[in-house]
Amino acid sequence: HIYLHYGENGIDDIALPPLGPDNFESINTDAVANIDINIEDAWKTYSETENKRTVTVAIIDTGIDTTHSDLKDSIWVNEDEIPGDSIDNDGNGYVDDVNGWNFVSNSNEICTGEEDSHGTHGAGTIAAAWNNGGIAGITDSTHVKLMVLKALGGSEGKGSPESVIEAIKYAEANGADICNLSFGSSNCTPEFEAAIRDSKMLFVVAAGNGNQYQIGYDIDKSPVYPASLPYDNVITVGNLLFNGHLDESSNYGATSVDLAAPGTYILSTIPGDSYAYMSGTSMAAPMVTGAAALIYSARTDLSLQDIKTAILSTVHKLAPLKGKTATGGMLDVSAAIKWTKN
């Protein structure tokens, strides 16, 4: 499984675990009917919508393979920058930031290889191209574009809070609407907290994957960040199994975790024009990010705060999620895209 590492030894860095075969374990779970996000009906509603809004989704994570055949047409382009001229054409302090920025090495190299599998996987879940023979992302890559912000790197997927803060500020300054954060830390600096609290973006955050034994715990009692931040612009997501229960590794919290979404054995894109299954709340959060982007694009009458309300007020209620999440339910994209504002 792909797990977020919150530093059981008091590590301050924001980090992901190493990627590799040791991260996977076999499970035997019987699937239950209707444990899905109801996406096909949502796509029908979306296709019947005439006037769609362009949406930019910032992915602050490891890098993303922007050359992947399922992602190449989904990537945000900074139109004010001239590629490859080594000049900061738009004067924003970042040279040749055509598709985003690498805040780890302070460069425009936003994919360095296998270490960027985690971010590339999340990107595919959100906006892999439809009808091209690969997988299908939750949202339409024609109207939704992915801004690549590499703030985590190396074999352990580590990054500093300062790099993430800079990435958040970059995203907002360059027009991002929604921001996916599939990482966490047991600590939170005032500056990190303020960067999220004071942003106009809607943040979708992974709840985290338990302790060192991969057993989920209550983040109301033992907070992790940014998942436990109480702000109106944050949606925190747990990992739902195909039997309607949270995965054993998924963190929970009747206040801190808003809803659950599928996050176990999710097939998506990885570098090298390839695909892989990954599991964890890191895979559940992009489901909600993609849904938020799809709805925000279709529903031009709604604000980002309305999008959060639409998603949380239309969940599919599941008995095992009562007391584990604030809504007691899982993502239902079709119900959310049809939500009526009172």
C-alpha atoms as a PDB file:
ATOM      1  CA  HIS A   1       0.000   0.000   0.000  1.00  0.00           C
ATOM      2  CA  ILE A   2       0.973   3.617  -0.418  1.00  0.00           C
ATOM      3  CA  TYR A   3       0.900   5.161   3.026  1.00  0.00           C
ATOM      4  CA  LEU A   4       1.465   8.643   4.316  1.00  0.00           C
ATOM      5  CA  HIS A   5       4.221   8.775   6.884  1.00  0.00           C
ATOM      6  CA  TYR A   6       3.434  11.072   9.784  1.00  0.00           C
ATOM      7  CA  GLY A   7       6.682  10.536  11.622  1.00  0.00           C
ATOM      8  CA  GLU A   8       6.120   8.289  14.623  1.00  0.00           C
ATOM      9  CA  ASN A   9       9.542   9.449  15.819  1.00  0.00           C
ATOM     10  CA  GLY A  10       8.574  13.091  15.755  1.00  0.00           C
ATOM     11  CA  ILE A  11       9.832  13.797  12.249  1.00  0.00           C
ATOM     12  CA  ASP A  12       8.828  17.301  11.230  1.00  0.00           C
ATOM     13  CA  ASP A  13       9.072  16.763   7.486  1.00  0.00           C
ATOM     14  CA  ILE A  14       6.001  16.242   5.378  1.00  0.00           C
ATOM     15  CA  ALA A  15       6.568  12.874   3.797  1.00  0.00           C
ATOM     16  CA  LEU A  16       5.374   9.892   1.809  1.00  0.00           C
ATOM     17  CA  PRO A  17       6.656   6.319   2.228  1.00  0.00           C
ATOM     18  CA  PRO A  18       9.049   4.633  -0.174  1.00  0.00           C
ATOM     19  CA  LEU A  19       7.431   3.202  -3.287  1.00  0.00           C
ATOM     20  CA  GLY A  20       7.941  -0.435  -4.153  1.00  0.00           C
ATOM     21  CA  PRO A  21       6.605  -3.966  -3.861  1.00  0.00           C
ATOM     22  CA  ASP A  22       6.991  -3.970  -0.084  1.00  0.00           C
ATOM     23  CA  ASN A  23       4.234  -1.388   0.113  1.00  0.00           C
ATOM     24  CA  PHE A  24       1.631  -3.883  -1.079  1.00  0.00           C
ATOM     25  CA  GLU A  25      -0.113  -6.626   0.811  1.00  0.00           C
ATOM     26  CA  SER A  26      -2.884  -8.976  -0.228  1.00  0.00           C
ATOM     27  CA  ILE A  27      -6.345  -8.693   1.271  1.00  0.00           C
ATOM     28  CA  ASN A  28      -9.504 -10.726   0.864  1.00  0.00           C
ATOM     29  CA  THR A  29     -12.573  -8.536   0.857  1.00  0.00           C
ATOM     30  CA  ASP A  30     -15.974  -9.202  -0.678  1.00  0.00           C
ATOM     31  CA  ALA A  31     -17.301  -6.301  -2.714  1.00  0.00           C
ATOM     32  CA  VAL A  32     -20.782  -4.990  -1.939  1.00  0.00           C
ATOM     33  CA  ALA A  33     -23.199  -3.639  -4.547  1.00  0.00           C
ATOM     34  CA  ASN A  34     -23.607   0.136  -4.858  1.00  0.00           C
ATOM     35  CA  ILE A  35     -20.347   0.972  -3.112  1.00  0.00           C
ATOM     36  CA  ASP A  36     -19.238   3.319  -5.872  1.00  0.00           C
ATOM     37  CA  ILE A  37     -19.161   7.066  -6.476  1.00  0.00           C
ATOM     38  CA  ASN A  38     -22.023   7.044  -9.012  1.00  0.00           C
ATOM     39  CA  ILE A  39     -19.829   8.637 -11.673  1.00  0.00           C
ATOM     40  CA  GLU A  40     -21.504   7.454 -14.886  1.00  0.00           C
ATOM     41  CA  ASP A  41     -24.722   9.317 -14.138  1.00  0.00           C
ATOM     42  CA  ALA A  42     -22.658  12.382 -13.176  1.00  0.00           C
ATOM     43  CA  TRP A  43     -20.850  12.205 -16.520  1.00  0.00           C
ATOM     44  CA  LYS A  44     -24.224  12.144 -18.279  1.00  0.00           C
ATOM     45  CA  THR A  45     -25.300  15.285 -16.426  1.00  0.00           C
ATOM     46  CA  TYR A  46     -21.962  16.909 -17.210  1.00  0.00           C
ATOM     47  CA  SER A  47     -22.179  16.091 -20.926  1.00  0.00           C
ATOM     48  CA  GLU A  48     -25.611  17.715 -21.083  1.00  0.00           C
ATOM     49  CA  THR A  49     -24.284  20.949 -19.570  1.00  0.00           C
ATOM     50  CA  GLU A  50     -23.629  23.550 -22.278  1.00  0.00           C
ATOM     51  CA  ASN A  51     -21.658  26.340 -20.629  1.00  0.00           C
ATOM     52  CA  LYS A  52     -18.726  24.958 -18.664  1.00  0.00           C
ATOM     53  CA  ARG A  53     -16.135  26.816 -16.666  1.00  0.00           C
ATOM     54  CA  THR A  54     -12.378  26.246 -17.002  1.00  0.00           C
ATOM     55  CA  VAL A  55     -10.933  24.940 -13.725  1.00  0.00           C
ATOM     56  CA  THR A  56      -7.313  24.705 -12.589  1.00  0.00           C
ATOM     57  CA  VAL A  57      -6.387  22.014 -10.065  1.00  0.00           C
ATOM     58  CA  ALA A  58      -3.062  22.321  -8.256  1.00  0.00           C
ATOM     59  CA  ILE A  59      -1.477  19.010  -7.261  1.00  0.00           C
ATOM     60  CA  ILE A  60       1.091  19.586  -4.521  1.00  0.00           C
ATOM     61  CA  ASP A  61       2.814  16.228  -4.270  1.00  0.00           C
ATOM     62  CA  THR A  62       5.720  14.504  -5.939  1.00  0.00           C
ATOM     63  CA  GLY A  63       6.053  15.497  -9.584  1.00  0.00           C
ATOM     64  CA  ILE A  64       3.851  14.382 -12.461  1.00  0.00           C
ATOM     65  CA  ASP A  65       4.847  12.767 -15.741  1.00  0.00           C
ATOM     66  CA  THR A  66       3.392  15.362 -18.103  1.00  0.00           C
ATOM     67  CA  THR A  67       4.343  13.271 -21.169  1.00  0.00           C
ATOM     68  CA  HIS A  68       2.113  10.350 -20.168  1.00  0.00           C
ATOM     69  CA  SER A  69      -0.335   9.666 -23.006  1.00  0.00           C
ATOM     70  CA  ASP A  70      -3.247   9.792 -20.562  1.00  0.00           C
ATOM     71  CA  LEU A  71      -2.129  13.097 -18.999  1.00  0.00           C
ATOM     72  CA  LYS A  72      -0.395  15.169 -21.695  1.00  0.00           C
ATOM     73  CA  ASP A  73      -3.603  16.987 -22.645  1.00  0.00           C
ATOM     74  CA  SER A  74      -4.640  17.505 -19.010  1.00  0.00           C
ATOM     75  CA  ILE A  75      -1.727  19.681 -17.923  1.00  0.00           C
ATOM     76  CA  TRP A  76      -2.039  23.371 -17.102  1.00  0.00           C
ATOM     77  CA  VAL A  77      -0.013  25.704 -19.297  1.00  0.00           C
ATOM     78  CA  ASN A  78       1.307  29.061 -18.147  1.00  0.00           C
ATOM     79  CA  GLU A  79       0.476  31.084 -21.250  1.00  0.00           C
ATOM     80  CA  ASP A  80       2.592  34.020 -20.051  1.00  0.00           C
ATOM     81  CA  GLU A  81       5.815  31.981 -20.178  1.00  0.00           C
ATOM     82  CA  ILE A  82       7.834  31.198 -23.319  1.00  0.00           C
ATOM     83  CA  PRO A  83       9.128  27.613 -23.064  1.00  0.00           C
ATOM     84  CA  GLY A  84      12.871  27.069 -23.035  1.00  0.00           C
ATOM     85  CA  ASP A  85      14.117  30.626 -23.362  1.00  0.00           C
ATOM     86  CA  SER A  86      15.603  30.705 -19.816  1.00  0.00           C
ATOM     87  CA  ILE A  87      13.801  33.974 -19.140  1.00  0.00           C
ATOM     88  CA  ASP A  88      11.198  34.699 -16.483  1.00  0.00           C
ATOM     89  CA  ASN A  89       8.787  36.116 -19.052  1.00  0.00           C
ATOM     90  CA  ASP A  90       5.895  36.709 -16.672  1.00  0.00           C
ATOM     91  CA  GLY A  91       8.112  38.115 -13.903  1.00  0.00           C
ATOM     92  CA  ASN A  92       6.736  35.826 -11.222  1.00  0.00           C
ATOM     93  CA  GLY A  93      10.162  34.736  -9.984  1.00  0.00           C
ATOM     94  CA  TYR A  94      10.142  31.317 -11.685  1.00  0.00           C
ATOM     95  CA  VAL A  95      12.045  30.800 -14.941  1.00  0.00           C
ATOM     96  CA  ASP A  96      10.294  28.706 -17.613  1.00  0.00           C
ATOM     97  CA  ASP A  97       7.517  27.575 -15.245  1.00  0.00           C
ATOM     98  CA  VAL A  98       5.436  26.407 -18.186  1.00  0.00           C
ATOM     99  CA  ASN A  99       3.458  23.676 -16.367  1.00  0.00           C
ATOM    100  CA  GLY A 100       4.320  24.398 -12.736  1.00  0.00           C
ATOM    101  CA  TRP A 101       7.447  24.226 -10.584  1.00  0.00           C
ATOM    102  CA  ASN A 102       9.756  21.903  -8.663  1.00  0.00           C
ATOM    103  CA  PHE A 103      10.019  23.352  -5.154  1.00  0.00           C
ATOM    104  CA  VAL A 104      12.374  20.577  -4.048  1.00  0.00           C
ATOM    105  CA  SER A 105      15.212  21.459  -6.446  1.00  0.00           C
ATOM    106  CA  ASN A 106      13.943  24.984  -7.260  1.00  0.00           C
ATOM    107  CA  SER A 107      13.738  24.252 -10.971  1.00  0.00           C
ATOM    108  CA  ASN A 108      11.218  23.717 -13.754  1.00  0.00           C
ATOM    109  CA  GLU A 109      11.992  19.961 -13.878  1.00  0.00           C
ATOM    110  CA  ILE A 110       8.617  18.720 -12.650  1.00  0.00           C
ATOM    111  CA  CYS A 111       9.176  15.009 -13.264  1.00  0.00           C
ATOM    112  CA  THR A 112      12.404  13.250 -12.387  1.00  0.00           C
ATOM    113  CA  GLY A 113      11.303   9.641 -12.834  1.00  0.00           C
ATOM    114  CA  GLU A 114      10.054   6.852 -10.611  1.00  0.00           C
ATOM    115  CA  GLU A 115      10.011   9.000  -7.468  1.00  0.00           C
ATOM    116  CA  ASP A 116       7.133  10.895  -9.067  1.00  0.00           C
ATOM    117  CA  SER A 117       4.803   7.877  -9.226  1.00  0.00           C
ATOM    118  CA  HIS A 118       2.659   9.105  -6.316  1.00  0.00           C
ATOM    119  CA  GLY A 119       1.809  12.466  -7.881  1.00  0.00           C
ATOM    120  CA  THR A 120       1.357  10.968 -11.343  1.00  0.00           C
ATOM    121  CA  HIS A 121      -1.064   8.384  -9.934  1.00  0.00           C
ATOM    122  CA  GLY A 122      -3.192  11.051  -8.263  1.00  0.00           C
ATOM    123  CA  ALA A 123      -3.183  13.129 -11.446  1.00  0.00           C
ATOM    124  CA  GLY A 124      -4.612  10.233 -13.444  1.00  0.00           C
ATOM    125  CA  THR A 125      -7.433   9.688 -10.984  1.00  0.00           C
ATOM    126  CA  ILE A 126      -8.371  13.349 -11.247  1.00  0.00           C
ATOM    127  CA  ALA A 127      -8.096  14.016 -14.967  1.00  0.00           C
ATOM    128  CA  ALA A 128      -6.769  11.185 -17.152  1.00  0.00           C
ATOM    129  CA  ALA A 129      -8.159  11.654 -20.655  1.00  0.00           C
ATOM    130  CA  TRP A 130     -11.510  10.147 -21.536  1.00  0.00           C
ATOM    131  CA  ASN A 131     -12.008   7.771 -24.491  1.00  0.00           C
ATOM    132  CA  ASN A 132      -8.355   7.343 -25.490  1.00  0.00           C
ATOM    133  CA  GLY A 133      -7.867   3.693 -24.553  1.00  0.00           C
ATOM    134  CA  GLY A 134      -6.201   4.270 -21.170  1.00  0.00           C
ATOM    135  CA  ILE A 135      -8.009   4.874 -17.898  1.00  0.00           C
ATOM    136  CA  ALA A 136     -10.659   7.555 -17.378  1.00  0.00           C
ATOM    137  CA  GLY A 137     -10.148  10.301 -14.828  1.00  0.00           C
ATOM    138  CA  ILE A 138     -13.023  11.599 -12.737  1.00  0.00           C
ATOM    139  CA  THR A 139     -13.139  14.938 -14.515  1.00  0.00           C
ATOM    140  CA  ASP A 140     -12.984  16.235 -18.072  1.00  0.00           C
ATOM    141  CA  SER A 141      -9.442  17.155 -19.124  1.00  0.00           C
ATOM    142  CA  THR A 142     -10.804  19.562 -21.735  1.00  0.00           C
ATOM    143  CA  HIS A 143     -12.052  22.011 -19.116  1.00  0.00           C
ATOM    144  CA  VAL A 144      -9.962  20.974 -16.116  1.00  0.00           C
ATOM    145  CA  LYS A 145      -6.187  21.419 -16.126  1.00  0.00           C
ATOM    146  CA  LEU A 146      -3.598  20.150 -13.648  1.00  0.00           C
ATOM    147  CA  MET A 147      -0.932  22.483 -12.272  1.00  0.00           C
ATOM    148  CA  VAL A 148       2.148  20.447 -11.347  1.00  0.00           C
ATOM    149  CA  LEU A 149       3.754  21.522  -8.068  1.00  0.00           C
ATOM    150  CA  LYS A 150       6.491  19.135  -6.942  1.00  0.00           C
ATOM    151  CA  ALA A 151       7.087  19.737  -3.228  1.00  0.00           C
ATOM    152  CA  LEU A 152       7.988  16.150  -2.291  1.00  0.00           C
ATOM    153  CA  GLY A 153      10.895  14.149  -3.641  1.00  0.00           C
ATOM    154  CA  GLY A 154      13.622  11.582  -3.126  1.00  0.00           C
ATOM    155  CA  SER A 155      13.169   7.878  -2.457  1.00  0.00           C
ATOM    156  CA  GLU A 156      11.110   8.597   0.689  1.00  0.00           C
ATOM    157  CA  GLY A 157       8.952  11.333  -0.826  1.00  0.00           C
ATOM    158  CA  LYS A 158       9.946  13.957   1.702  1.00  0.00           C
ATOM    159  CA  GLY A 159       9.482  17.694   1.593  1.00  0.00           C
ATOM    160  CA  SER A 160       9.579  20.658   3.923  1.00  0.00           C
ATOM    161  CA  PRO A 161       6.613  22.695   5.160  1.00  0.00           C
ATOM    162  CA  GLU A 162       8.314  25.736   3.632  1.00  0.00           C
ATOM    163  CA  SER A 163       8.272  24.145   0.166  1.00  0.00           C
ATOM    164  CA  VAL A 164       4.572  23.317   0.485  1.00  0.00           C
ATOM    165  CA  ILE A 165       3.779  26.855   1.674  1.00  0.00           C
ATOM    166  CA  GLU A 166       5.600  28.268  -1.349  1.00  0.00           C
ATOM    167  CA  ALA A 167       3.703  25.869  -3.616  1.00  0.00           C
ATOM    168  CA  ILE A 168       0.361  26.930  -2.126  1.00  0.00           C
ATOM    169  CA  LYS A 169       1.205  30.588  -2.696  1.00  0.00           C
ATOM    170  CA  TYR A 170       2.331  29.842  -6.262  1.00  0.00           C
ATOM    171  CA  ALA A 171      -0.892  27.949  -6.984  1.00  0.00           C
ATOM    172  CA  GLU A 172      -3.109  30.760  -5.825  1.00  0.00           C
ATOM    173  CA  ALA A 173      -1.053  33.461  -7.536  1.00  0.00           C
ATOM    174  CA  ASN A 174      -1.309  31.553 -10.813  1.00  0.00           C
ATOM    175  CA  GLY A 175      -5.044  30.987 -10.728  1.00  0.00           C
ATOM    176  CA  ALA A 176      -5.603  27.550  -9.202  1.00  0.00           C
ATOM    177  CA  ASP A 177      -9.108  26.915  -7.875  1.00  0.00           C
ATOM    178  CA  ILE A 178      -8.781  23.535  -6.146  1.00  0.00           C
ATOM    179  CA  CYS A 179      -5.724  21.995  -4.496  1.00  0.00           C
ATOM    180  CA  ASN A 180      -5.062  18.300  -3.796  1.00  0.00           C
ATOM    181  CA  LEU A 181      -2.898  17.518  -0.734  1.00  0.00           C
ATOM    182  CA  SER A 182      -2.197  13.785  -0.381  1.00  0.00           C
ATOM    183  CA  PHE A 183       0.402  14.017   2.396  1.00  0.00           C
ATOM    184  CA  GLY A 184       0.643  14.817   6.057  1.00  0.00           C
ATOM    185  CA  SER A 185       2.665  15.568   9.160  1.00  0.00           C
ATOM    186  CA  SER A 186       2.193  15.205  12.895  1.00  0.00           C
ATOM    187  CA  ASN A 187       3.255  18.830  13.269  1.00  0.00           C
ATOM    188  CA  CYS A 188       1.903  22.087  11.889  1.00  0.00           C
ATOM    189  CA  THR A 189       3.677  25.418  11.876  1.00  0.00           C
ATOM    190  CA  PRO A 190       1.643  28.629  12.221  1.00  0.00           C
ATOM    191  CA  GLU A 191       2.854  29.646   8.761  1.00  0.00           C
ATOM    192  CA  PHE A 192       1.645  26.392   7.187  1.00  0.00           C
ATOM    193  CA  GLU A 193      -1.721  26.714   8.889  1.00  0.00           C
ATOM    194  CA  ALA A 194      -2.087  30.332   7.756  1.00  0.00           C
ATOM    195  CA  ALA A 195      -1.218  29.473   4.147  1.00  0.00           C
ATOM    196  CA  ILE A 196      -4.231  27.169   3.953  1.00  0.00           C
ATOM    197  CA  ARG A 197      -6.564  29.210   6.157  1.00  0.00           C
ATOM    198  CA  ASP A 198      -5.999  32.428   4.199  1.00  0.00           C
ATOM    199  CA  SER A 199      -6.216  30.868   0.733  1.00  0.00           C
ATOM    200  CA  LYS A 200      -9.200  31.269  -1.576  1.00  0.00           C
ATOM    201  CA  MET A 201      -8.653  27.745  -2.947  1.00  0.00           C
ATOM    202  CA  LEU A 202     -10.617  24.663  -1.919  1.00  0.00           C
ATOM    203  CA  PHE A 203      -8.247  22.049  -0.449  1.00  0.00           C
ATOM    204  CA  VAL A 204      -8.932  18.311  -0.624  1.00  0.00           C
ATOM    205  CA  VAL A 205      -6.774  16.441   1.875  1.00  0.00           C
ATOM    206  CA  ALA A 206      -5.936  12.798   2.602  1.00  0.00           C
ATOM    207  CA  ALA A 207      -6.848  11.696   6.147  1.00  0.00           C
ATOM    208  CA  GLY A 208      -3.691   9.593   6.507  1.00  0.00           C
ATOM    209  CA  ASN A 209      -2.925   5.911   6.782  1.00  0.00           C
ATOM    210  CA  GLY A 210      -2.569   5.122  10.448  1.00  0.00           C
ATOM    211  CA  ASN A 211       0.367   4.485  12.710  1.00  0.00           C
ATOM    212  CA  GLN A 212       3.611   2.586  12.130  1.00  0.00           C
ATOM    213  CA  TYR A 213       1.571  -0.628  12.120  1.00  0.00           C
ATOM    214  CA  GLN A 214      -0.724   0.761   9.405  1.00  0.00           C
ATOM    215  CA  ILE A 215      -3.719   0.842  11.729  1.00  0.00           C
ATOM    216  CA  GLY A 216      -5.931   3.894  11.331  1.00  0.00           C
ATOM    217  CA  TYR A 217      -6.627   6.103  14.337  1.00  0.00           C
ATOM    218  CA  ASP A 218      -8.863   8.981  15.434  1.00  0.00           C
ATOM    219  CA  ILE A 219      -7.345  12.245  14.207  1.00  0.00           C
ATOM    220  CA  ASP A 220      -9.793  14.229  16.328  1.00  0.00           C
ATOM    221  CA  LYS A 221      -7.814  12.962  19.328  1.00  0.00           C
ATOM    222  CA  SER A 222      -4.366  12.708  17.703  1.00  0.00           C
ATOM    223  CA  PRO A 223      -4.325  15.399  15.009  1.00  0.00           C
ATOM    224  CA  VAL A 224      -2.397  15.170  11.761  1.00  0.00           C
ATOM    225  CA  TYR A 225      -1.978  18.019   9.347  1.00  0.00           C
ATOM    226  CA  PRO A 226      -3.367  19.352   7.131  1.00  0.00           C
ATOM    227  CA  ALA A 227      -6.135  16.709   7.562  1.00  0.00           C
ATOM    228  CA  SER A 228      -7.166  17.943  11.025  1.00  0.00           C
ATOM    229  CA  LEU A 229      -7.330  21.644  10.154  1.00  0.00           C
ATOM    230  CA  PRO A 230     -10.858  22.911  10.929  1.00  0.00           C
ATOM    231  CA  TYR A 231     -11.226  25.416   8.102  1.00  0.00           C
ATOM    232  CA  ASP A 232     -14.184  25.872   5.779  1.00  0.00           C
ATOM    233  CA  ASN A 233     -11.968  25.515   2.696  1.00  0.00           C
ATOM    234  CA  VAL A 234     -10.721  22.023   3.627  1.00  0.00           C
ATOM    235  CA  ILE A 235     -12.315  18.645   2.784  1.00  0.00           C
ATOM    236  CA  THR A 236     -10.656  15.641   4.452  1.00  0.00           C
ATOM    237  CA  VAL A 237     -11.102  12.191   2.914  1.00  0.00           C
ATOM    238  CA  GLY A 238     -10.851   8.653   4.327  1.00  0.00           C
ATOM    239  CA  ASN A 239     -10.159   5.465   2.359  1.00  0.00           C
ATOM    240  CA  LEU A 240     -13.245   3.368   1.669  1.00  0.00           C
ATOM    241  CA  LEU A 241     -13.036  -0.343   0.881  1.00  0.00           C
ATOM    242  CA  PHE A 242     -15.338  -1.944  -1.679  1.00  0.00           C
ATOM    243  CA  ASN A 243     -17.388  -3.483   1.167  1.00  0.00           C
ATOM    244  CA  GLY A 244     -18.541  -0.123   2.525  1.00  0.00           C
ATOM    245  CA  HIS A 245     -16.137  -0.018   5.484  1.00  0.00           C
ATOM    246  CA  LEU A 246     -13.092   2.155   5.961  1.00  0.00           C
ATOM    247  CA  ASP A 247      -9.854   0.382   5.163  1.00  0.00           C
ATOM    248  CA  GLU A 248      -8.129  -0.758   8.366  1.00  0.00           C
ATOM    249  CA  SER A 249      -5.289   1.637   7.615  1.00  0.00           C
ATOM    250  CA  SER A 250      -7.476   4.703   7.094  1.00  0.00           C
ATOM    251  CA  ASN A 251      -7.518   7.385   9.746  1.00  0.00           C
ATOM    252  CA  TYR A 252     -10.952   8.567  10.862  1.00  0.00           C
ATOM    253  CA  GLY A 253     -12.577  11.273  12.947  1.00  0.00           C
ATOM    254  CA  ALA A 254     -16.182  12.302  13.541  1.00  0.00           C
ATOM    255  CA  THR A 255     -15.125  15.944  13.211  1.00  0.00           C
ATOM    256  CA  SER A 256     -11.892  15.963  11.204  1.00  0.00           C
ATOM    257  CA  VAL A 257     -12.702  13.470   8.419  1.00  0.00           C
ATOM    258  CA  ASP A 258     -15.554  14.725   6.252  1.00  0.00           C
ATOM    259  CA  LEU A 259     -16.333  11.713   4.066  1.00  0.00           C
ATOM    260  CA  ALA A 260     -14.868   8.592   2.507  1.00  0.00           C
ATOM    261  CA  ALA A 261     -14.065   7.702  -1.090  1.00  0.00           C
ATOM    262  CA  PRO A 262     -12.601   4.614  -2.795  1.00  0.00           C
ATOM    263  CA  GLY A 263      -8.873   4.367  -2.129  1.00  0.00           C
ATOM    264  CA  THR A 264      -7.928   0.686  -2.234  1.00  0.00           C
ATOM    265  CA  TYR A 265      -6.404  -0.933  -5.338  1.00  0.00           C
ATOM    266  CA  ILE A 266      -6.964   2.119  -7.496  1.00  0.00           C
ATOM    267  CA  LEU A 267      -5.629   1.777 -11.041  1.00  0.00           C
ATOM    268  CA  SER A 268      -4.033   4.932 -12.401  1.00  0.00           C
ATOM    269  CA  THR A 269      -1.111   6.442 -14.265  1.00  0.00           C
ATOM    270  CA  ILE A 270       2.571   6.239 -13.293  1.00  0.00           C
ATOM    271  CA  PRO A 271       5.700   7.591 -15.039  1.00  0.00           C
ATOM    272  CA  GLY A 272       6.929   5.916 -18.204  1.00  0.00           C
ATOM    273  CA  ASP A 273       3.509   5.835 -19.857  1.00  0.00           C
ATOM    274  CA  SER A 274       2.536   3.021 -17.489  1.00  0.00           C
ATOM    275  CA  TYR A 275      -0.211   2.147 -14.995  1.00  0.00           C
ATOM    276  CA  ALA A 276      -0.274   0.674 -11.500  1.00  0.00           C
ATOM    277  CA  TYR A 277      -2.565  -0.123  -8.592  1.00  0.00           C
ATOM    278  CA  MET A 278      -2.006   1.871  -5.407  1.00  0.00           C
ATOM    279  CA  SER A 279      -3.892   2.061  -2.114  1.00  0.00           C
ATOM    280  CA  GLY A 280      -4.350   4.582   0.673  1.00  0.00           C
ATOM    281  CA  THR A 281      -6.059   7.832   1.539  1.00  0.00           C
ATOM    282  CA  SER A 282      -3.666   9.384  -1.019  1.00  0.00           C
ATOM    283  CA  MET A 283      -5.769   7.626  -3.646  1.00  0.00           C
ATOM    284  CA  ALA A 284      -9.128   8.536  -2.028  1.00  0.00           C
ATOM    285  CA  ALA A 285      -8.474  12.285  -1.909  1.00  0.00           C
ATOM    286  CA  PRO A 286      -8.026  12.650  -5.704  1.00  0.00           C
ATOM    287  CA  MET A 287     -11.433  11.027  -6.173  1.00  0.00           C
ATOM    288  CA  VAL A 288     -12.980  13.947  -4.300  1.00  0.00           C
ATOM    289  CA  THR A 289     -10.685  16.476  -5.981  1.00  0.00           C
ATOM    290  CA  GLY A 290     -11.772  15.225  -9.395  1.00  0.00           C
ATOM    291  CA  ALA A 291     -15.416  15.348  -8.354  1.00  0.00           C
ATOM    292  CA  ALA A 292     -15.037  18.900  -7.048  1.00  0.00           C
ATOM    293  CA  ALA A 293     -13.428  19.991 -10.323  1.00  0.00           C
ATOM    294  CA  LEU A 294     -16.113  18.285 -12.432  1.00  0.00           C
ATOM    295  CA  ILE A 295     -18.911  19.911 -10.465  1.00  0.00           C
ATOM    296  CA  TYR A 296     -17.258  23.338 -10.353  1.00  0.00           C
ATOM    297  CA  SER A 297     -16.793  23.230 -14.130  1.00  0.00           C
ATOM    298  CA  ALA A 298     -20.422  22.274 -14.797  1.00  0.00           C
ATOM    299  CA  ARG A 299     -22.099  24.344 -12.106  1.00  0.00           C
ATOM    300  CA  THR A 300     -21.071  27.894 -12.943  1.00  0.00           C
ATOM    301  CA  ASP A 301     -23.737  29.109 -10.516  1.00  0.00           C
ATOM    302  CA  LEU A 302     -21.823  27.701  -7.531  1.00  0.00           C
ATOM    303  CA  SER A 303     -18.890  29.042  -5.529  1.00  0.00           C
ATOM    304  CA  LEU A 304     -16.068  26.840  -4.268  1.00  0.00           C
ATOM    305  CA  GLN A 305     -17.667  26.895  -0.831  1.00  0.00           C
ATOM    306  CA  ASP A 306     -20.907  25.740  -2.453  1.00  0.00           C
ATOM    307  CA  ILE A 307     -18.974  22.860  -4.036  1.00  0.00           C
ATOM    308  CA  LYS A 308     -17.874  21.671  -0.602  1.00  0.00           C
ATOM    309  CA  THR A 309     -21.456  21.916   0.654  1.00  0.00           C
ATOM    310  CA  ALA A 310     -22.772  20.063  -2.397  1.00  0.00           C
ATOM    311  CA  ILE A 311     -20.314  17.192  -1.938  1.00  0.00           C
ATOM    312  CA  LEU A 312     -20.814  16.808   1.808  1.00  0.00           C
ATOM    313  CA  SER A 313     -24.586  17.223   1.885  1.00  0.00           C
ATOM    314  CA  THR A 314     -25.242  14.589  -0.804  1.00  0.00           C
ATOM    315  CA  VAL A 315     -23.093  11.703   0.442  1.00  0.00           C
ATOM    316  CA  HIS A 316     -24.314   8.129   0.229  1.00  0.00           C
ATOM    317  CA  LYS A 317     -24.833   7.268   3.899  1.00  0.00           C
ATOM    318  CA  LEU A 318     -23.202   4.059   5.099  1.00  0.00           C
ATOM    319  CA  ALA A 319     -23.730   2.609   8.572  1.00  0.00           C
ATOM    320  CA  PRO A 320     -20.026   1.705   9.107  1.00  0.00           C
ATOM    321  CA  LEU A 321     -19.053   5.348   8.524  1.00  0.00           C
ATOM    322  CA  LYS A 322     -21.322   6.744  11.245  1.00  0.00           C
ATOM    323  CA  GLY A 323     -19.130   8.216  13.948  1.00  0.00           C
ATOM    324  CA  LYS A 324     -16.056   7.730  11.762  1.00  0.00           C
ATOM    325  CA  THR A 325     -16.706  10.672   9.443  1.00  0.00           C
ATOM    326  CA  ALA A 326     -18.568  13.951   9.865  1.00  0.00           C
ATOM    327  CA  THR A 327     -21.120  13.092   7.179  1.00  0.00           C
ATOM    328  CA  GLY A 328     -21.369   9.349   7.818  1.00  0.00           C
ATOM    329  CA  GLY A 329     -21.151   8.759   4.107  1.00  0.00           C
ATOM    330  CA  MET A 330     -19.172   8.250   0.901  1.00  0.00           C
ATOM    331  CA  LEU A 331     -18.789  10.419  -2.178  1.00  0.00           C
ATOM    332  CA  ASP A 332     -21.775  10.447  -4.572  1.00  0.00           C
ATOM    333  CA  VAL A 333     -20.782  12.536  -7.590  1.00  0.00           C
ATOM    334  CA  SER A 334     -24.130  12.298  -9.355  1.00  0.00           C
ATOM    335  CA  ALA A 335     -26.056  13.583  -6.344  1.00  0.00           C
ATOM    336  CA  ALA A 336     -23.507  16.339  -5.786  1.00  0.00           C
ATOM    337  CA  ILE A 337     -23.542  17.662  -9.344  1.00  0.00           C
ATOM    338  CA  LYS A 338     -27.359  17.893  -9.153  1.00  0.00           C
ATOM    339  CA  TRP A 339     -27.370  19.585  -5.741  1.00  0.00           C
ATOM    340  CA  THR A 340     -29.726  22.553  -5.458  1.00  0.00           C
ATOM    341  CA  LYS A 341     -28.668  25.606  -3.485  1.00  0.00           C
ATOM    342  CA  ASN A 342     -31.401  26.774  -1.135  1.00  0.00           C
END
